[in-house]
């Protein structure tokens, strides 16, 4: 019986960690993350699942940016700047942008 209780507790803990998984759109809508002027995502809320999302998204963005820079024979920093401008334009009202060193609601 004790082994069964431990097994159930382990399974429930596994499911509870899944419930914390959050997507980018949801994170933006809930004010957990925002777009930075670097072309990358920033965490507004310092929670492990938010930081994990930001790290994952930024790694993927960086890979795409590197490919675009190489393909177009330009610097990575140029791609990042262009991506930031596009992200700022696409950010919907009520979501956050990094402006002059602070988070500002668009």
C-alpha atoms as a PDB file:
ATOM      1  CA  UNK A   1       0.000   0.000   0.000  1.00  0.00           C
ATOM      2  CA  UNK A   2       2.829   2.411   0.823  1.00  0.00           C
ATOM      3  CA  UNK A   3       4.484   1.772  -2.564  1.00  0.00           C
ATOM      4  CA  UNK A   4       1.154   2.466  -4.282  1.00  0.00           C
ATOM      5  CA  UNK A   5       0.800   5.789  -2.448  1.00  0.00           C
ATOM      6  CA  UNK A   6       4.306   6.803  -3.477  1.00  0.00           C
ATOM      7  CA  UNK A   7       3.564   5.863  -7.087  1.00  0.00           C
ATOM      8  CA  UNK A   8       0.350   7.922  -7.093  1.00  0.00           C
ATOM      9  CA  UNK A   9       2.158  10.903  -5.552  1.00  0.00           C
ATOM     10  CA  UNK A  10       4.897  10.680  -8.190  1.00  0.00           C
ATOM     11  CA  UNK A  11       2.367  10.540 -11.030  1.00  0.00           C
ATOM     12  CA  UNK A  12       0.430  13.490  -9.619  1.00  0.00           C
ATOM     13  CA  UNK A  13       3.620  15.536  -9.308  1.00  0.00           C
ATOM     14  CA  UNK A  14       4.418  14.730 -12.930  1.00  0.00           C
ATOM     15  CA  UNK A  15       1.019  15.961 -14.064  1.00  0.00           C
ATOM     16  CA  UNK A  16       1.226  19.098 -11.935  1.00  0.00           C
ATOM     17  CA  UNK A  17       4.491  20.090 -13.610  1.00  0.00           C
ATOM     18  CA  UNK A  18       2.798  19.709 -16.987  1.00  0.00           C
ATOM     19  CA  UNK A  19       0.072  22.084 -15.922  1.00  0.00           C
ATOM     20  CA  UNK A  20       2.696  24.817 -15.472  1.00  0.00           C
ATOM     21  CA  UNK A  21       3.835  24.548 -19.071  1.00  0.00           C
ATOM     22  CA  UNK A  22       2.840  27.723 -20.858  1.00  0.00           C
ATOM     23  CA  UNK A  23       2.946  28.851 -24.453  1.00  0.00           C
ATOM     24  CA  UNK A  24       4.381  32.077 -25.827  1.00  0.00           C
ATOM     25  CA  UNK A  25       1.046  33.665 -26.741  1.00  0.00           C
ATOM     26  CA  UNK A  26      -0.433  32.877 -23.349  1.00  0.00           C
ATOM     27  CA  UNK A  27       2.678  34.190 -21.589  1.00  0.00           C
ATOM     28  CA  UNK A  28       2.476  37.455 -23.531  1.00  0.00           C
ATOM     29  CA  UNK A  29      -1.251  37.838 -22.880  1.00  0.00           C
ATOM     30  CA  UNK A  30      -0.733  37.265 -19.160  1.00  0.00           C
ATOM     31  CA  UNK A  31       2.091  39.809 -18.918  1.00  0.00           C
ATOM     32  CA  UNK A  32       4.715  37.204 -18.072  1.00  0.00           C
ATOM     33  CA  UNK A  33       7.034  37.971 -21.002  1.00  0.00           C
ATOM     34  CA  UNK A  34       7.610  40.792 -23.428  1.00  0.00           C
ATOM     35  CA  UNK A  35       9.627  41.749 -26.473  1.00  0.00           C
ATOM     36  CA  UNK A  36      13.021  43.358 -25.945  1.00  0.00           C
ATOM     37  CA  UNK A  37      14.800  45.799 -28.253  1.00  0.00           C
ATOM     38  CA  UNK A  38      17.456  43.141 -28.827  1.00  0.00           C
ATOM     39  CA  UNK A  39      15.189  40.927 -30.931  1.00  0.00           C
ATOM     40  CA  UNK A  40      14.741  38.515 -28.079  1.00  0.00           C
ATOM     41  CA  UNK A  41      12.092  37.764 -25.496  1.00  0.00           C
ATOM     42  CA  UNK A  42      12.421  38.958 -21.898  1.00  0.00           C
ATOM     43  CA  UNK A  43      10.927  37.610 -18.678  1.00  0.00           C
ATOM     44  CA  UNK A  44       8.780  40.062 -16.771  1.00  0.00           C
ATOM     45  CA  UNK A  45       7.957  37.544 -14.049  1.00  0.00           C
ATOM     46  CA  UNK A  46      10.801  35.602 -12.459  1.00  0.00           C
ATOM     47  CA  UNK A  47       9.303  32.091 -12.364  1.00  0.00           C
ATOM     48  CA  UNK A  48      11.101  28.929 -13.454  1.00  0.00           C
ATOM     49  CA  UNK A  49       8.569  28.031 -16.151  1.00  0.00           C
ATOM     50  CA  UNK A  50       8.682  31.581 -17.558  1.00  0.00           C
ATOM     51  CA  UNK A  51      12.486  31.638 -17.571  1.00  0.00           C
ATOM     52  CA  UNK A  52      12.523  28.227 -19.258  1.00  0.00           C
ATOM     53  CA  UNK A  53      10.135  29.467 -21.953  1.00  0.00           C
ATOM     54  CA  UNK A  54      12.226  32.597 -22.550  1.00  0.00           C
ATOM     55  CA  UNK A  55      15.436  30.556 -22.792  1.00  0.00           C
ATOM     56  CA  UNK A  56      13.853  28.084 -25.212  1.00  0.00           C
ATOM     57  CA  UNK A  57      12.294  30.744 -27.462  1.00  0.00           C
ATOM     58  CA  UNK A  58      15.458  32.870 -27.502  1.00  0.00           C
ATOM     59  CA  UNK A  59      17.626  29.888 -28.455  1.00  0.00           C
ATOM     60  CA  UNK A  60      15.317  29.134 -31.376  1.00  0.00           C
ATOM     61  CA  UNK A  61      15.254  32.786 -32.432  1.00  0.00           C
ATOM     62  CA  UNK A  62      19.037  32.999 -32.300  1.00  0.00           C
ATOM     63  CA  UNK A  63      19.379  29.985 -34.596  1.00  0.00           C
ATOM     64  CA  UNK A  64      16.978  31.521 -37.125  1.00  0.00           C
ATOM     65  CA  UNK A  65      18.741  34.881 -36.888  1.00  0.00           C
ATOM     66  CA  UNK A  66      22.124  33.221 -37.482  1.00  0.00           C
ATOM     67  CA  UNK A  67      20.782  31.444 -40.562  1.00  0.00           C
ATOM     68  CA  UNK A  68      19.292  34.665 -41.925  1.00  0.00           C
ATOM     69  CA  UNK A  69      22.521  36.575 -41.308  1.00  0.00           C
ATOM     70  CA  UNK A  70      24.597  33.953 -43.099  1.00  0.00           C
ATOM     71  CA  UNK A  71      22.130  33.654 -45.966  1.00  0.00           C
ATOM     72  CA  UNK A  72      22.048  37.417 -46.507  1.00  0.00           C
ATOM     73  CA  UNK A  73      25.729  38.014 -45.763  1.00  0.00           C
ATOM     74  CA  UNK A  74      24.989  40.476 -42.957  1.00  0.00           C
ATOM     75  CA  UNK A  75      25.864  40.654 -39.277  1.00  0.00           C
ATOM     76  CA  UNK A  76      23.831  38.836 -36.643  1.00  0.00           C
ATOM     77  CA  UNK A  77      23.298  42.173 -34.871  1.00  0.00           C
ATOM     78  CA  UNK A  78      21.605  43.557 -37.990  1.00  0.00           C
ATOM     79  CA  UNK A  79      19.153  40.658 -38.085  1.00  0.00           C
ATOM     80  CA  UNK A  80      18.468  41.040 -34.354  1.00  0.00           C
ATOM     81  CA  UNK A  81      17.723  44.746 -34.807  1.00  0.00           C
ATOM     82  CA  UNK A  82      15.362  44.096 -37.717  1.00  0.00           C
ATOM     83  CA  UNK A  83      13.649  41.313 -35.776  1.00  0.00           C
ATOM     84  CA  UNK A  84      13.173  43.613 -32.781  1.00  0.00           C
ATOM     85  CA  UNK A  85      11.563  46.298 -34.947  1.00  0.00           C
ATOM     86  CA  UNK A  86       9.218  43.752 -36.498  1.00  0.00           C
ATOM     87  CA  UNK A  87       8.354  42.244 -33.098  1.00  0.00           C
ATOM     88  CA  UNK A  88       7.569  45.699 -31.684  1.00  0.00           C
ATOM     89  CA  UNK A  89       5.265  46.415 -34.614  1.00  0.00           C
ATOM     90  CA  UNK A  90       3.490  43.067 -34.247  1.00  0.00           C
ATOM     91  CA  UNK A  91       3.037  43.327 -30.478  1.00  0.00           C
ATOM     92  CA  UNK A  92      -0.633  43.861 -29.707  1.00  0.00           C
ATOM     93  CA  UNK A  93      -2.033  46.454 -27.354  1.00  0.00           C
ATOM     94  CA  UNK A  94      -1.813  45.417 -23.718  1.00  0.00           C
ATOM     95  CA  UNK A  95       1.354  43.382 -24.132  1.00  0.00           C
ATOM     96  CA  UNK A  96       4.797  44.451 -22.952  1.00  0.00           C
ATOM     97  CA  UNK A  97       7.788  45.990 -24.704  1.00  0.00           C
ATOM     98  CA  UNK A  98      11.204  46.900 -23.290  1.00  0.00           C
ATOM     99  CA  UNK A  99      11.544  50.662 -23.724  1.00  0.00           C
ATOM    100  CA  UNK A 100      14.341  52.799 -22.262  1.00  0.00           C
ATOM    101  CA  UNK A 101      15.318  50.134 -19.734  1.00  0.00           C
ATOM    102  CA  UNK A 102      11.857  49.260 -18.441  1.00  0.00           C
ATOM    103  CA  UNK A 103       8.769  47.239 -19.323  1.00  0.00           C
ATOM    104  CA  UNK A 104       6.017  49.321 -20.895  1.00  0.00           C
ATOM    105  CA  UNK A 105       2.547  48.184 -21.882  1.00  0.00           C
ATOM    106  CA  UNK A 106       1.819  48.878 -25.526  1.00  0.00           C
END
